[in-house]
Amino acid sequence: MTAWLALLTTPAGDLSARLDDGRLLVGWVDADRRPHPDARRCDPELLDAEGAAARVSLLWPPRDALPLFDDPAVVHARREARRRSAPRCASTFTVDSRHFAGSIWVPAAGDRLEDDPFRLLGRPELLGVGAGLLGAGVRLGGPAQERNAGAPWPAR
């Protein structure tokens, strides 16, 4: 299964939730092809129509400034994610088989947004996301750091 997320200003997709800055975070579930030019692949476990509202740390770098997924800084951030207490949900984003296209970190109750390990890669936006988009219980993969065919992490 393939899932996608995009930051948009107009409704689209299978699921969407309003951000507290007025934009929409839009999700597509099981779409084999990129459903929107701005969409980025995410872990399918991230999306849940029954998901509660959340505060998130969203790292969405510009398309012309994406590091390689195997860049030591990206590998280090993924290792740090596995060392921390489990988030409610998390995912990296991909746009192709080589590049890290951002991340979303939704801390578990009582944890802080500032503990997002992907902050090492850029300045994330700290945002509120409405209900009906983000799930819970994503398991962070490990110990292997490899990805398959450009899949976002922690997707298996």
Protein backbone atom coordinates (compact mmCIF):
# COMPACT_ATOMS: atom_id res chain seq x y z
CA MET A 1 0.00 0.00 0.00
CA THR A 2 1.21 3.51 -0.82
CA ALA A 3 0.18 6.68 0.99
CA TRP A 4 0.82 10.34 0.22
CA LEU A 5 0.62 13.70 2.00
CA ALA A 6 0.52 17.23 0.62
CA LEU A 7 0.27 20.72 2.08
CA LEU A 8 -2.52 22.45 0.16
CA THR A 9 -4.84 25.43 0.41
CA THR A 10 -7.87 23.69 -1.14
CA PRO A 11 -9.52 20.37 -0.23
CA ALA A 12 -8.43 17.22 -2.07
CA GLY A 13 -7.52 13.61 -1.34
CA ASP A 14 -9.07 10.85 0.70
CA LEU A 15 -8.45 12.50 4.09
CA SER A 16 -7.67 16.02 5.14
CA ALA A 17 -7.30 18.09 8.26
CA ARG A 18 -6.98 21.82 8.70
CA LEU A 19 -3.76 23.13 10.17
CA ASP A 20 -3.92 25.94 12.70
CA ASP A 21 -2.31 28.26 10.11
CA GLY A 22 -5.24 27.73 7.70
CA ARG A 23 -3.60 25.33 5.25
CA LEU A 24 -4.74 21.75 4.78
CA LEU A 25 -2.70 18.60 5.30
CA VAL A 26 -4.17 16.22 2.76
CA GLY A 27 -3.69 12.45 2.57
CA TRP A 28 -4.24 9.85 -0.11
CA VAL A 29 -4.41 6.17 0.84
CA ASP A 30 -3.40 3.40 -1.56
CA ALA A 31 -2.64 5.67 -4.51
CA ASP A 32 -0.02 3.98 -6.68
CA ARG A 33 0.87 7.16 -8.55
CA ARG A 34 1.59 10.63 -7.21
CA PRO A 35 -1.96 12.04 -6.79
CA HIS A 36 -0.88 15.70 -6.74
CA PRO A 37 2.34 17.41 -7.91
CA ASP A 38 3.11 18.51 -4.33
CA ALA A 39 2.41 15.11 -2.72
CA ARG A 40 5.12 13.24 -0.83
CA ARG A 41 5.06 9.54 0.06
CA CYS A 42 4.53 8.71 3.72
CA ASP A 43 4.15 5.59 5.82
CA PRO A 44 0.58 4.30 5.23
CA GLU A 45 0.25 3.63 8.98
CA LEU A 46 0.43 7.38 9.53
CA LEU A 47 -3.02 8.03 8.04
CA ASP A 48 -6.24 7.25 9.89
CA ALA A 49 -9.68 8.73 9.24
CA GLU A 50 -10.50 8.15 12.92
CA GLY A 51 -7.35 9.85 14.20
CA ALA A 52 -7.55 12.49 16.90
CA ALA A 53 -6.34 16.06 16.52
CA ALA A 54 -2.65 16.53 17.32
CA ARG A 55 0.24 18.94 17.67
CA VAL A 56 2.94 18.02 15.17
CA SER A 57 6.46 18.88 14.17
CA LEU A 58 6.40 19.05 10.37
CA LEU A 59 9.59 19.32 8.35
CA TRP A 60 8.73 20.12 4.71
CA PRO A 61 11.90 21.26 2.92
CA PRO A 62 11.71 22.82 -0.55
CA ARG A 63 11.98 20.33 -3.42
CA ASP A 64 15.19 21.94 -4.67
CA ALA A 65 16.97 21.45 -1.32
CA LEU A 66 16.34 17.80 -0.45
CA PRO A 67 19.26 15.84 1.04
CA LEU A 68 19.94 12.26 0.07
CA PHE A 69 18.18 9.73 2.31
CA ASP A 70 21.56 8.15 2.99
CA ASP A 71 23.13 11.45 4.06
CA PRO A 72 24.80 10.89 7.46
CA ALA A 73 22.56 13.56 9.05
CA VAL A 74 19.39 11.76 7.90
CA VAL A 75 20.72 8.40 9.11
CA HIS A 76 21.60 9.98 12.47
CA ALA A 77 18.11 11.49 12.84
CA ARG A 78 16.51 8.09 12.19
CA ARG A 79 18.78 6.49 14.78
CA GLU A 80 17.86 9.20 17.28
CA ALA A 81 14.16 8.58 16.58
CA ARG A 82 14.56 4.93 17.56
CA ARG A 83 16.39 5.89 20.78
CA ARG A 84 13.62 8.18 22.02
CA SER A 85 10.32 7.21 23.58
CA ALA A 86 7.89 6.03 20.93
CA PRO A 87 5.88 8.83 19.29
CA ARG A 88 2.14 8.62 18.69
CA CYS A 89 3.10 8.42 15.02
CA ALA A 90 5.93 9.49 12.74
CA SER A 91 7.03 9.21 9.14
CA THR A 92 9.66 10.48 6.81
CA PHE A 93 8.64 11.59 3.31
CA THR A 94 10.05 10.67 -0.06
CA VAL A 95 9.57 12.01 -3.57
CA ASP A 96 11.80 9.49 -5.34
CA SER A 97 14.11 6.59 -4.50
CA ARG A 98 17.00 8.76 -3.27
CA HIS A 99 15.88 11.90 -1.45
CA PHE A 100 14.67 12.66 2.06
CA ALA A 101 11.67 14.95 1.52
CA GLY A 102 10.85 15.82 5.14
CA SER A 103 9.14 14.28 8.13
CA ILE A 104 6.27 14.46 10.54
CA TRP A 105 6.68 13.76 14.27
CA VAL A 106 3.63 13.44 16.50
CA PRO A 107 4.78 12.99 20.08
CA ALA A 108 3.03 10.69 22.49
CA ALA A 109 0.99 12.28 25.26
CA GLY A 110 3.30 14.03 27.68
CA ASP A 111 6.23 14.27 25.25
CA ARG A 112 7.42 17.52 23.68
CA LEU A 113 7.38 18.60 20.04
CA GLU A 114 10.87 19.96 20.59
CA ASP A 115 12.11 16.37 20.98
CA ASP A 116 11.60 15.72 17.25
CA PRO A 117 14.88 14.09 16.14
CA PHE A 118 14.40 15.38 12.58
CA ARG A 119 14.97 18.95 13.85
CA LEU A 120 18.62 18.13 13.17
CA LEU A 121 17.83 18.45 9.43
CA GLY A 122 16.07 21.80 9.36
CA ARG A 123 13.58 24.01 11.12
CA PRO A 124 10.24 22.20 11.37
CA GLU A 125 6.92 23.97 11.71
CA LEU A 126 5.13 23.28 14.99
CA LEU A 127 1.47 23.03 14.05
CA GLY A 128 -1.92 21.88 15.23
CA VAL A 129 -3.61 19.35 12.94
CA GLY A 130 -7.34 18.73 13.10
CA ALA A 131 -8.95 15.33 13.63
CA GLY A 132 -9.48 12.78 10.88
CA LEU A 133 -6.00 12.39 9.42
CA LEU A 134 -3.23 11.15 11.73
CA GLY A 135 -3.27 7.75 13.37
CA ALA A 136 -1.44 6.23 16.30
CA GLY A 137 0.86 3.32 16.94
CA VAL A 138 3.36 3.55 14.12
CA ARG A 139 6.27 1.28 15.05
CA LEU A 140 9.68 2.71 14.28
CA GLY A 141 11.75 0.23 12.29
CA GLY A 142 15.14 -0.96 13.34
CA PRO A 143 17.85 -1.85 13.77
CA ALA A 144 18.29 -1.83 9.98
CA GLN A 145 18.52 1.61 8.40
CA GLU A 146 17.91 0.51 4.83
CA ARG A 147 14.92 1.53 2.78
CA ASN A 148 13.34 -0.37 -0.09
CA ALA A 149 12.54 1.25 -3.44
CA GLY A 150 12.27 4.76 -2.00
CA ALA A 151 9.75 3.82 0.67
CA PRO A 152 9.37 6.33 3.50
CA TRP A 153 10.62 5.28 6.91
CA PRO A 154 9.35 3.45 9.00
CA ALA A 155 7.20 1.82 6.30
CA ARG A 156 7.97 -1.82 5.71
